[in-house]
Amino acid sequence: MSMTTQQRIDVMLAADAGKPIQRRQRFSDFDGDGKWEYVASPKWDFSQFDYRVTPEPKKVVTVKYRVTYADGGVRDYDNIDDAIKRWTNSFFNPTLQKIEKTTNE
């Protein structure tokens, strides 16, 4: 499937704006096997290649619930209900904290 005229215009404008561009060969019998590759200076051969703006890495947010006890003990939970159960049923005066970690995929 070839790119539409609008898709070609959009990717060329993105390249002019300095965004990183990738290409892949349109026919599987060529080297590259249809995988996207970074192109420093695209030559815009739309008969052989499809082009796209390099996708932004997906951000993954991991949430943990940390129960910290007065004696220094720490326990992390994936589930808020489990953390609250431990927190409310403890005699050791714990604190409960939500911890979020963002990583790129």
N, C-alpha and C. Protein backbone atom coordinates (compact mmCIF):
# COMPACT_ATOMS: atom_id res chain seq x y z
N MET A 1 0.85 -1.18 0.00
CA MET A 1 0.00 0.00 0.00
C MET A 1 0.89 1.24 0.00
N SER A 2 0.71 2.09 -0.96
CA SER A 2 1.54 3.29 -1.05
C SER A 2 0.97 4.40 -0.17
N MET A 3 1.80 5.38 0.08
CA MET A 3 1.39 6.51 0.91
C MET A 3 0.50 7.44 0.09
N THR A 4 -0.44 8.08 0.76
CA THR A 4 -1.28 9.06 0.08
C THR A 4 -0.47 10.34 -0.13
N THR A 5 -0.97 11.19 -0.98
CA THR A 5 -0.30 12.47 -1.22
C THR A 5 -0.20 13.27 0.08
N GLN A 6 -1.27 13.27 0.87
CA GLN A 6 -1.25 14.02 2.13
C GLN A 6 -0.22 13.44 3.10
N GLN A 7 -0.10 12.12 3.16
CA GLN A 7 0.90 11.50 4.04
C GLN A 7 2.31 11.88 3.59
N ARG A 8 2.54 11.94 2.30
CA ARG A 8 3.85 12.34 1.78
C ARG A 8 4.15 13.79 2.16
N ILE A 9 3.18 14.65 1.99
CA ILE A 9 3.36 16.06 2.35
C ILE A 9 3.65 16.19 3.84
N ASP A 10 2.88 15.51 4.66
CA ASP A 10 3.04 15.60 6.12
C ASP A 10 4.43 15.15 6.57
N VAL A 11 4.92 14.04 6.03
CA VAL A 11 6.22 13.54 6.46
C VAL A 11 7.35 14.44 5.95
N MET A 12 7.19 15.02 4.77
CA MET A 12 8.20 15.92 4.25
C MET A 12 8.25 17.23 5.05
N LEU A 13 7.09 17.74 5.43
CA LEU A 13 7.05 18.93 6.28
C LEU A 13 7.65 18.65 7.65
N ALA A 14 7.39 17.47 8.19
CA ALA A 14 7.97 17.08 9.48
C ALA A 14 9.49 17.03 9.38
N ALA A 15 10.01 16.50 8.27
CA ALA A 15 11.46 16.45 8.07
C ALA A 15 12.03 17.87 8.00
N ASP A 16 11.34 18.76 7.29
CA ASP A 16 11.79 20.15 7.21
C ASP A 16 11.79 20.82 8.58
N ALA A 17 10.88 20.39 9.45
CA ALA A 17 10.80 20.94 10.81
C ALA A 17 11.83 20.31 11.74
N GLY A 18 12.61 19.36 11.23
CA GLY A 18 13.68 18.77 12.04
C GLY A 18 13.32 17.49 12.76
N LYS A 19 12.15 16.95 12.49
CA LYS A 19 11.76 15.71 13.16
C LYS A 19 12.50 14.53 12.53
N PRO A 20 12.86 13.52 13.34
CA PRO A 20 13.56 12.35 12.80
C PRO A 20 12.61 11.51 11.93
N ILE A 21 13.13 11.03 10.82
CA ILE A 21 12.34 10.29 9.84
C ILE A 21 12.85 8.86 9.71
N GLN A 22 11.91 7.95 9.52
CA GLN A 22 12.22 6.55 9.26
C GLN A 22 11.65 6.16 7.90
N ARG A 23 12.24 5.11 7.32
CA ARG A 23 11.72 4.57 6.08
C ARG A 23 11.75 3.05 6.15
N ARG A 24 10.95 2.43 5.28
CA ARG A 24 11.02 0.98 5.11
C ARG A 24 10.73 0.67 3.65
N GLN A 25 11.35 -0.38 3.19
CA GLN A 25 11.15 -0.77 1.81
C GLN A 25 9.75 -1.34 1.63
N ARG A 26 9.14 -1.00 0.54
CA ARG A 26 7.76 -1.37 0.30
C ARG A 26 7.61 -2.80 -0.18
N PHE A 27 8.68 -3.40 -0.67
CA PHE A 27 8.59 -4.75 -1.22
C PHE A 27 9.47 -5.68 -0.41
N SER A 28 8.92 -6.78 0.06
CA SER A 28 9.61 -7.66 1.01
C SER A 28 10.79 -8.41 0.41
N ASP A 29 10.91 -8.48 -0.92
CA ASP A 29 12.03 -9.22 -1.49
C ASP A 29 13.32 -8.42 -1.49
N PHE A 30 13.28 -7.14 -1.07
CA PHE A 30 14.48 -6.34 -0.93
C PHE A 30 15.08 -6.57 0.45
N ASP A 31 16.35 -6.19 0.61
CA ASP A 31 16.98 -6.24 1.93
C ASP A 31 16.22 -5.31 2.88
N GLY A 32 16.20 -5.65 4.14
CA GLY A 32 15.54 -4.83 5.15
C GLY A 32 14.27 -5.46 5.66
N ASP A 33 13.65 -6.33 4.86
CA ASP A 33 12.51 -7.12 5.31
C ASP A 33 11.38 -6.29 5.90
N GLY A 34 11.15 -5.10 5.38
CA GLY A 34 10.02 -4.29 5.84
C GLY A 34 10.18 -3.65 7.19
N LYS A 35 11.40 -3.60 7.73
CA LYS A 35 11.63 -2.98 9.03
C LYS A 35 11.91 -1.49 8.86
N TRP A 36 11.43 -0.71 9.80
CA TRP A 36 11.66 0.72 9.78
C TRP A 36 13.10 1.01 10.18
N GLU A 37 13.75 1.95 9.45
CA GLU A 37 15.12 2.35 9.76
C GLU A 37 15.22 3.87 9.74
N TYR A 38 16.09 4.40 10.58
CA TYR A 38 16.30 5.84 10.64
C TYR A 38 16.99 6.32 9.37
N VAL A 39 16.58 7.48 8.86
CA VAL A 39 17.17 8.07 7.66
C VAL A 39 17.61 9.49 8.01
N ALA A 40 18.92 9.76 7.93
CA ALA A 40 19.42 11.09 8.27
C ALA A 40 18.98 12.15 7.26
N SER A 41 19.08 11.83 5.98
CA SER A 41 18.69 12.76 4.91
C SER A 41 17.85 12.01 3.89
N PRO A 42 16.54 11.99 4.05
CA PRO A 42 15.70 11.23 3.12
C PRO A 42 15.85 11.73 1.67
N LYS A 43 15.86 10.79 0.74
CA LYS A 43 15.92 11.11 -0.69
C LYS A 43 14.53 11.07 -1.32
N TRP A 44 13.55 10.70 -0.55
CA TRP A 44 12.15 10.68 -0.96
C TRP A 44 11.90 9.85 -2.22
N ASP A 45 12.22 8.58 -2.12
CA ASP A 45 11.92 7.64 -3.21
C ASP A 45 10.64 6.89 -2.84
N PHE A 46 9.50 7.51 -3.13
CA PHE A 46 8.21 6.95 -2.73
C PHE A 46 7.82 5.72 -3.55
N SER A 47 8.52 5.44 -4.62
CA SER A 47 8.22 4.23 -5.39
C SER A 47 8.80 2.99 -4.70
N GLN A 48 9.83 3.17 -3.90
CA GLN A 48 10.49 2.05 -3.23
C GLN A 48 10.29 2.02 -1.71
N PHE A 49 10.00 3.17 -1.12
CA PHE A 49 9.97 3.26 0.35
C PHE A 49 8.70 3.95 0.84
N ASP A 50 8.30 3.57 2.05
CA ASP A 50 7.32 4.33 2.82
C ASP A 50 8.12 5.09 3.87
N TYR A 51 7.64 6.26 4.25
CA TYR A 51 8.32 7.10 5.23
C TYR A 51 7.35 7.44 6.35
N ARG A 52 7.94 7.72 7.53
CA ARG A 52 7.13 8.17 8.66
C ARG A 52 8.01 8.97 9.61
N VAL A 53 7.35 9.77 10.43
CA VAL A 53 8.04 10.43 11.53
C VAL A 53 8.34 9.36 12.57
N THR A 54 9.56 9.34 13.06
CA THR A 54 9.93 8.36 14.08
C THR A 54 8.99 8.50 15.27
N PRO A 55 8.31 7.42 15.65
CA PRO A 55 7.36 7.51 16.77
C PRO A 55 8.06 7.84 18.09
N GLU A 56 7.36 8.60 18.91
CA GLU A 56 7.85 8.88 20.26
C GLU A 56 7.80 7.60 21.08
N PRO A 57 8.77 7.38 21.95
CA PRO A 57 8.69 6.20 22.81
C PRO A 57 7.45 6.27 23.69
N LYS A 58 6.81 5.13 23.89
CA LYS A 58 5.63 5.10 24.75
C LYS A 58 6.06 5.22 26.20
N LYS A 59 5.32 6.01 26.94
CA LYS A 59 5.60 6.16 28.36
C LYS A 59 4.76 5.15 29.13
N VAL A 60 5.42 4.44 30.02
CA VAL A 60 4.75 3.44 30.84
C VAL A 60 4.84 3.92 32.29
N VAL A 61 3.69 4.02 32.94
CA VAL A 61 3.64 4.44 34.33
C VAL A 61 3.37 3.21 35.19
N THR A 62 4.29 2.94 36.11
CA THR A 62 4.15 1.84 37.06
C THR A 62 3.78 2.44 38.41
N VAL A 63 2.74 1.90 39.02
CA VAL A 63 2.28 2.41 40.31
C VAL A 63 2.48 1.33 41.37
N LYS A 64 3.10 1.72 42.46
CA LYS A 64 3.27 0.84 43.63
C LYS A 64 2.74 1.58 44.84
N TYR A 65 2.33 0.82 45.83
CA TYR A 65 1.87 1.38 47.08
C TYR A 65 2.80 0.88 48.17
N ARG A 66 3.49 1.81 48.83
CA ARG A 66 4.52 1.46 49.80
C ARG A 66 4.03 1.68 51.22
N VAL A 67 4.15 0.63 52.02
CA VAL A 67 3.85 0.71 53.45
C VAL A 67 5.20 0.71 54.16
N THR A 68 5.46 1.79 54.93
CA THR A 68 6.71 1.92 55.66
C THR A 68 6.37 1.87 57.15
N TYR A 69 7.01 0.96 57.86
CA TYR A 69 6.76 0.75 59.27
C TYR A 69 7.72 1.57 60.12
N ALA A 70 7.33 1.86 61.36
CA ALA A 70 8.12 2.68 62.27
C ALA A 70 9.51 2.09 62.52
N ASP A 71 9.64 0.76 62.44
CA ASP A 71 10.94 0.12 62.69
C ASP A 71 11.84 0.14 61.44
N GLY A 72 11.39 0.81 60.37
CA GLY A 72 12.19 0.90 59.15
C GLY A 72 11.83 -0.11 58.08
N GLY A 73 10.96 -1.05 58.40
CA GLY A 73 10.55 -2.04 57.41
C GLY A 73 9.73 -1.40 56.30
N VAL A 74 9.92 -1.91 55.09
CA VAL A 74 9.22 -1.38 53.92
C VAL A 74 8.65 -2.54 53.12
N ARG A 75 7.43 -2.35 52.65
CA ARG A 75 6.82 -3.37 51.80
C ARG A 75 6.04 -2.68 50.69
N ASP A 76 6.26 -3.10 49.45
CA ASP A 76 5.58 -2.52 48.30
C ASP A 76 4.49 -3.46 47.80
N TYR A 77 3.38 -2.87 47.35
CA TYR A 77 2.24 -3.63 46.84
C TYR A 77 1.82 -3.07 45.48
N ASP A 78 1.38 -3.95 44.61
CA ASP A 78 0.85 -3.55 43.31
C ASP A 78 -0.61 -3.13 43.43
N ASN A 79 -1.29 -3.65 44.42
CA ASN A 79 -2.72 -3.46 44.58
C ASN A 79 -3.00 -2.56 45.79
N ILE A 80 -3.76 -1.50 45.59
CA ILE A 80 -4.07 -0.56 46.68
C ILE A 80 -4.84 -1.22 47.81
N ASP A 81 -5.73 -2.15 47.48
CA ASP A 81 -6.52 -2.82 48.53
C ASP A 81 -5.63 -3.63 49.47
N ASP A 82 -4.64 -4.32 48.92
CA ASP A 82 -3.70 -5.08 49.76
C ASP A 82 -2.89 -4.15 50.64
N ALA A 83 -2.45 -3.03 50.08
CA ALA A 83 -1.65 -2.08 50.85
C ALA A 83 -2.47 -1.48 52.00
N ILE A 84 -3.70 -1.11 51.71
CA ILE A 84 -4.55 -0.52 52.75
C ILE A 84 -4.84 -1.54 53.85
N LYS A 85 -5.07 -2.78 53.47
CA LYS A 85 -5.33 -3.82 54.46
C LYS A 85 -4.14 -3.95 55.42
N ARG A 86 -2.93 -3.99 54.88
CA ARG A 86 -1.74 -4.09 55.72
C ARG A 86 -1.56 -2.84 56.57
N TRP A 87 -1.82 -1.70 55.96
CA TRP A 87 -1.62 -0.43 56.63
C TRP A 87 -2.58 -0.27 57.81
N THR A 88 -3.84 -0.60 57.61
CA THR A 88 -4.84 -0.41 58.67
C THR A 88 -4.79 -1.49 59.75
N ASN A 89 -4.26 -2.66 59.43
CA ASN A 89 -4.23 -3.76 60.41
C ASN A 89 -2.90 -3.89 61.14
N SER A 90 -2.05 -2.90 61.03
CA SER A 90 -0.74 -2.99 61.66
C SER A 90 -0.71 -2.21 62.97
N PHE A 91 0.04 -2.75 63.93
CA PHE A 91 0.25 -2.09 65.22
C PHE A 91 1.52 -1.24 65.23
N PHE A 92 2.24 -1.24 64.12
CA PHE A 92 3.56 -0.62 64.09
C PHE A 92 3.56 0.78 63.48
N ASN A 93 2.42 1.47 63.48
CA ASN A 93 2.29 2.85 63.05
C ASN A 93 2.92 3.10 61.66
N PRO A 94 2.44 2.40 60.65
CA PRO A 94 3.05 2.56 59.33
C PRO A 94 2.51 3.79 58.58
N THR A 95 3.23 4.17 57.54
CA THR A 95 2.75 5.20 56.61
C THR A 95 2.48 4.53 55.28
N LEU A 96 1.57 5.12 54.52
CA LEU A 96 1.22 4.59 53.20
C LEU A 96 1.53 5.65 52.17
N GLN A 97 2.21 5.23 51.11
CA GLN A 97 2.66 6.17 50.09
C GLN A 97 2.44 5.58 48.70
N LYS A 98 1.95 6.40 47.80
CA LYS A 98 1.79 5.98 46.39
C LYS A 98 3.06 6.40 45.65
N ILE A 99 3.65 5.44 44.91
CA ILE A 99 4.87 5.72 44.17
C ILE A 99 4.61 5.45 42.69
N GLU A 100 4.86 6.45 41.86
CA GLU A 100 4.70 6.30 40.41
C GLU A 100 6.06 6.42 39.75
N LYS A 101 6.33 5.51 38.83
CA LYS A 101 7.59 5.54 38.09
C LYS A 101 7.25 5.53 36.60
N THR A 102 7.77 6.49 35.87
CA THR A 102 7.52 6.59 34.43
C THR A 102 8.78 6.16 33.68
N THR A 103 8.61 5.25 32.75
CA THR A 103 9.74 4.79 31.92
C THR A 103 9.30 4.82 30.47
N ASN A 104 10.26 4.84 29.59
CA ASN A 104 9.99 4.76 28.15
C ASN A 104 10.07 3.31 27.71
N GLU A 105 9.15 2.94 26.86
CA GLU A 105 9.11 1.56 26.37
C GLU A 105 9.90 1.44 25.09
